[in-house]
Amino acid sequence: MIPVVSFVGRSNTGKTTLLEKVIKELKQRGYRIAVIKHDIHGFDVDQPGKDSWRITRAGSDVVVVSSADKMAMIKKPEAEMTLEQLVGMVKDGVDIILTEGYKRSDKPKIEVFRSEVSDRILSQESELIALVTDKHFDIDIPQFGADDANGIVNLIEERFLSQPAGEEIYLSVNGKEMGLKSFIRDAFIKTVSGMVSTLHGTENAREIRLTIHLP
């Protein structure tokens, strides 16, 4: 499974600044990264008058803008997408997914704390893998200063990136990623890869995608 680590904390604690430093450190070590940011206030990436804005205003539910060096997708979901759904969209081709926000998710969290903003941490201790703080807490959780991106990435690397990737499988039902017990996981992999291997042109397959639409 692609690891997901959430950076959480109250407003004005420096989450984005820290995330920038962590991303740069991970990139220097050769990792491929996706970032998902939760915006509770809403946002708009379209500029009024631009072609994509006009197409969206005309009623298109999905607009993709593509160029030689980047692409963007503007989609109107029926409801706010869950973190699991967003992870499913961005997990291909990356080693780790970082999020800013999603404090209510069940993903491992690194909280950013500043004593001038609050006098207590936001998360439950059991949810945290680290605390980035300007004040020491008497808790059994690794604590780092805001400038110690190297130490934070060492922890992330040790916890989530040190093991070589083996066979992986992702199953989502109605957009929700499902956890699989090992024997079910192995059965899926063996059954599907075995069937695919009988098809012409599937030699040396490294990735298989199967989507089933039920009536």
Protein backbone atom coordinates (compact mmCIF):
# COMPACT_ATOMS: atom_id res chain seq x y z
CA MET A 1 0.00 0.00 0.00
CA ILE A 2 1.17 3.52 -0.74
CA PRO A 3 1.73 5.19 2.66
CA VAL A 4 -0.33 8.26 3.55
CA VAL A 5 0.86 10.69 6.23
CA SER A 6 -1.28 13.65 7.32
CA PHE A 7 0.18 16.94 8.54
CA VAL A 8 -2.36 18.48 10.90
CA GLY A 9 -2.57 21.38 13.31
CA ARG A 10 -4.45 24.54 14.07
CA SER A 11 -4.42 27.52 11.73
CA ASN A 12 -1.26 29.64 11.68
CA THR A 13 1.00 26.94 13.10
CA GLY A 14 3.11 26.64 9.94
CA LYS A 15 1.80 23.43 8.38
CA THR A 16 2.36 24.53 4.79
CA THR A 17 5.83 25.90 5.52
CA LEU A 18 6.84 22.63 7.17
CA LEU A 19 5.31 20.60 4.36
CA GLU A 20 7.40 22.54 1.83
CA LYS A 21 10.58 21.63 3.71
CA VAL A 22 9.60 17.96 4.03
CA ILE A 23 8.74 17.72 0.32
CA LYS A 24 12.09 19.22 -0.67
CA GLU A 25 13.95 16.78 1.60
CA LEU A 26 12.01 13.78 0.25
CA LYS A 27 12.68 14.88 -3.34
CA GLN A 28 16.40 15.21 -2.60
CA ARG A 29 16.31 11.57 -1.50
CA GLY A 30 14.70 10.52 -4.77
CA TYR A 31 11.10 9.89 -3.70
CA ARG A 32 8.02 10.61 -5.78
CA ILE A 33 5.38 12.50 -3.82
CA ALA A 34 1.71 13.38 -4.08
CA VAL A 35 0.13 16.00 -1.83
CA ILE A 36 -3.56 16.35 -1.00
CA LYS A 37 -4.65 19.56 0.71
CA HIS A 38 -8.01 19.92 2.43
CA ASP A 39 -9.59 23.38 2.11
CA ILE A 40 -12.59 23.83 4.39
CA HIS A 41 -13.29 27.28 2.93
CA GLY A 42 -13.58 26.14 -0.68
CA PHE A 43 -11.39 27.28 -3.55
CA ASP A 44 -11.45 28.14 -7.24
CA VAL A 45 -8.61 27.42 -9.66
CA ASP A 46 -10.53 28.67 -12.68
CA GLN A 47 -10.05 32.24 -13.86
CA PRO A 48 -13.18 34.03 -15.09
CA GLY A 49 -13.10 34.45 -18.85
CA LYS A 50 -10.61 31.64 -19.51
CA ASP A 51 -11.66 28.81 -21.82
CA SER A 52 -11.80 26.23 -19.02
CA TRP A 53 -13.96 28.59 -16.95
CA ARG A 54 -16.35 29.09 -19.86
CA ILE A 55 -16.60 25.34 -20.46
CA THR A 56 -17.28 24.69 -16.77
CA ARG A 57 -19.89 27.45 -16.68
CA ALA A 58 -21.56 25.90 -19.72
CA GLY A 59 -22.26 22.80 -17.64
CA SER A 60 -19.41 20.34 -18.13
CA ASP A 61 -19.05 18.08 -15.08
CA VAL A 62 -15.36 17.38 -15.75
CA VAL A 63 -12.84 19.61 -17.52
CA VAL A 64 -9.25 18.53 -18.15
CA VAL A 65 -6.66 21.09 -19.22
CA SER A 66 -3.43 19.60 -20.55
CA SER A 67 -0.14 21.00 -21.82
CA ALA A 68 3.34 19.62 -22.44
CA ASP A 69 4.47 20.07 -18.83
CA LYS A 70 1.34 19.83 -16.66
CA MET A 71 -2.32 18.93 -16.52
CA ALA A 72 -5.24 19.87 -14.31
CA MET A 73 -8.70 18.42 -13.81
CA ILE A 74 -11.69 20.40 -12.62
CA LYS A 75 -14.52 18.16 -11.45
CA LYS A 76 -17.84 18.84 -9.78
CA PRO A 77 -18.44 15.95 -7.38
CA GLU A 78 -21.93 15.21 -6.13
CA ALA A 79 -20.54 15.40 -2.59
CA GLU A 80 -17.16 16.22 -1.09
CA MET A 81 -14.76 13.44 -2.00
CA THR A 82 -13.33 11.38 0.82
CA LEU A 83 -9.62 11.12 1.46
CA GLU A 84 -9.77 7.47 0.33
CA GLN A 85 -11.27 8.53 -3.01
CA LEU A 86 -8.62 11.19 -3.53
CA VAL A 87 -5.83 8.76 -2.61
CA GLY A 88 -7.20 6.39 -5.24
CA MET A 89 -6.90 9.15 -7.85
CA VAL A 90 -3.29 10.14 -7.14
CA LYS A 91 -1.55 6.99 -5.88
CA ASP A 92 -0.21 5.80 -9.24
CA GLY A 93 3.46 6.53 -9.78
CA VAL A 94 4.26 7.88 -6.32
CA ASP A 95 6.07 6.48 -3.30
CA ILE A 96 4.19 8.39 -0.62
CA ILE A 97 1.16 10.65 -0.24
CA LEU A 98 1.25 13.59 2.15
CA THR A 99 -1.86 15.47 3.19
CA GLU A 100 -2.36 18.85 4.77
CA GLY A 101 -5.44 18.64 6.94
CA TYR A 102 -7.77 15.66 7.30
CA LYS A 103 -7.40 15.69 11.07
CA ARG A 104 -10.41 13.36 11.40
CA SER A 105 -8.98 10.68 9.11
CA ASP A 106 -7.48 7.45 10.40
CA LYS A 107 -4.13 8.09 8.71
CA PRO A 108 -0.95 8.47 10.78
CA LYS A 109 -0.43 12.10 11.66
CA ILE A 110 2.32 14.60 12.29
CA GLU A 111 0.94 17.55 14.25
CA VAL A 112 2.43 21.02 14.01
CA PHE A 113 2.12 22.89 17.30
CA ARG A 114 2.93 26.48 18.26
CA SER A 115 2.57 27.63 21.86
CA GLU A 116 1.45 31.13 20.83
CA VAL A 117 -1.55 29.62 19.00
CA SER A 118 -2.73 27.10 21.61
CA ASP A 119 -1.68 25.49 24.87
CA ARG A 120 -2.63 21.92 23.94
CA ILE A 121 -2.21 19.58 21.01
CA LEU A 122 -5.11 18.94 18.67
CA SER A 123 -4.77 15.18 18.11
CA GLN A 124 -5.03 12.13 20.30
CA GLU A 125 -1.60 10.79 21.21
CA SER A 126 -2.48 7.42 19.69
CA GLU A 127 -2.97 9.08 16.29
CA LEU A 128 0.43 10.75 16.17
CA ILE A 129 3.72 9.48 14.84
CA ALA A 130 5.47 12.77 15.58
CA LEU A 131 4.97 16.24 16.99
CA VAL A 132 6.61 19.33 15.48
CA THR A 133 6.65 21.83 18.31
CA ASP A 134 8.27 24.82 19.96
CA LYS A 135 7.44 23.40 23.40
CA HIS A 136 8.37 20.03 24.88
CA PHE A 137 5.51 17.71 25.85
CA ASP A 138 5.83 14.88 28.35
CA ILE A 139 4.51 12.25 25.94
CA ASP A 140 6.10 9.21 24.34
CA ILE A 141 6.10 10.58 20.78
CA PRO A 142 9.09 11.79 18.74
CA GLN A 143 9.28 15.60 18.86
CA PHE A 144 11.02 17.86 16.37
CA GLY A 145 11.65 21.54 15.82
CA ALA A 146 10.07 23.25 12.84
CA ASP A 147 13.43 23.47 11.04
CA ASP A 148 14.32 19.79 11.45
CA ALA A 149 12.99 18.55 8.11
CA ASN A 150 15.88 16.09 7.93
CA GLY A 151 14.87 14.42 11.21
CA ILE A 152 11.20 14.33 10.23
CA VAL A 153 11.99 12.72 6.89
CA ASN A 154 14.30 10.22 8.59
CA LEU A 155 11.32 9.15 10.70
CA ILE A 156 8.98 8.96 7.69
CA GLU A 157 11.57 7.00 5.74
CA GLU A 158 12.16 4.54 8.57
CA ARG A 159 8.45 4.02 9.28
CA PHE A 160 7.03 3.91 5.77
CA LEU A 161 9.67 3.82 3.02
CA SER A 162 12.42 1.47 4.16
CA GLN A 163 10.79 -1.77 3.04
CA PRO A 164 11.04 -2.76 -0.64
CA ALA A 165 7.70 -2.76 -2.40
CA GLY A 166 6.21 -6.18 -3.04
CA GLU A 167 3.00 -7.21 -4.71
CA GLU A 168 0.27 -4.67 -4.04
CA ILE A 169 -3.46 -4.60 -4.61
CA TYR A 170 -6.03 -1.85 -4.13
CA LEU A 171 -9.73 -2.58 -3.94
CA SER A 172 -12.29 0.21 -3.80
CA VAL A 173 -16.06 -0.18 -3.65
CA ASN A 174 -18.14 2.90 -4.48
CA GLY A 175 -15.02 5.01 -4.07
CA LYS A 176 -14.07 3.65 -0.63
CA GLU A 177 -10.76 1.84 -0.38
CA MET A 178 -11.19 -1.54 1.29
CA GLY A 179 -8.66 -3.20 3.53
CA LEU A 180 -7.91 -6.80 2.60
CA LYS A 181 -6.76 -9.63 4.80
CA SER A 182 -3.62 -11.32 3.54
CA PHE A 183 -5.30 -14.50 2.29
CA ILE A 184 -7.95 -12.50 0.36
CA ARG A 185 -5.24 -10.25 -1.05
CA ASP A 186 -3.20 -13.24 -2.21
CA ALA A 187 -6.28 -14.88 -3.73
CA PHE A 188 -7.12 -11.74 -5.71
CA ILE A 189 -3.58 -11.35 -7.00
CA LYS A 190 -3.17 -14.99 -8.00
CA THR A 191 -6.60 -15.28 -9.62
CA VAL A 192 -6.56 -12.04 -11.60
CA SER A 193 -2.90 -12.20 -12.63
CA GLY A 194 -3.36 -15.84 -13.62
CA MET A 195 -6.33 -15.03 -15.86
CA VAL A 196 -4.57 -12.03 -17.38
CA SER A 197 -1.45 -14.08 -18.12
CA THR A 198 -3.48 -16.22 -20.55
CA LEU A 199 -4.26 -13.19 -22.71
CA HIS A 200 -2.13 -12.31 -25.71
CA GLY A 201 0.10 -9.28 -25.23
CA THR A 202 0.25 -9.38 -21.45
CA GLU A 203 3.77 -10.71 -21.11
CA ASN A 204 5.83 -9.04 -18.35
CA ALA A 205 2.77 -7.25 -16.96
CA ARG A 206 3.70 -4.94 -14.08
CA GLU A 207 0.32 -3.35 -13.41
CA ILE A 208 -3.23 -4.60 -13.93
CA ARG A 209 -6.30 -2.39 -13.67
CA LEU A 210 -9.76 -3.93 -13.46
CA THR A 211 -12.93 -1.89 -13.02
CA ILE A 212 -16.34 -3.53 -12.73
CA HIS A 213 -19.55 -1.53 -13.14
CA LEU A 214 -22.52 -3.36 -11.63
CA PRO A 215 -26.13 -2.71 -12.70
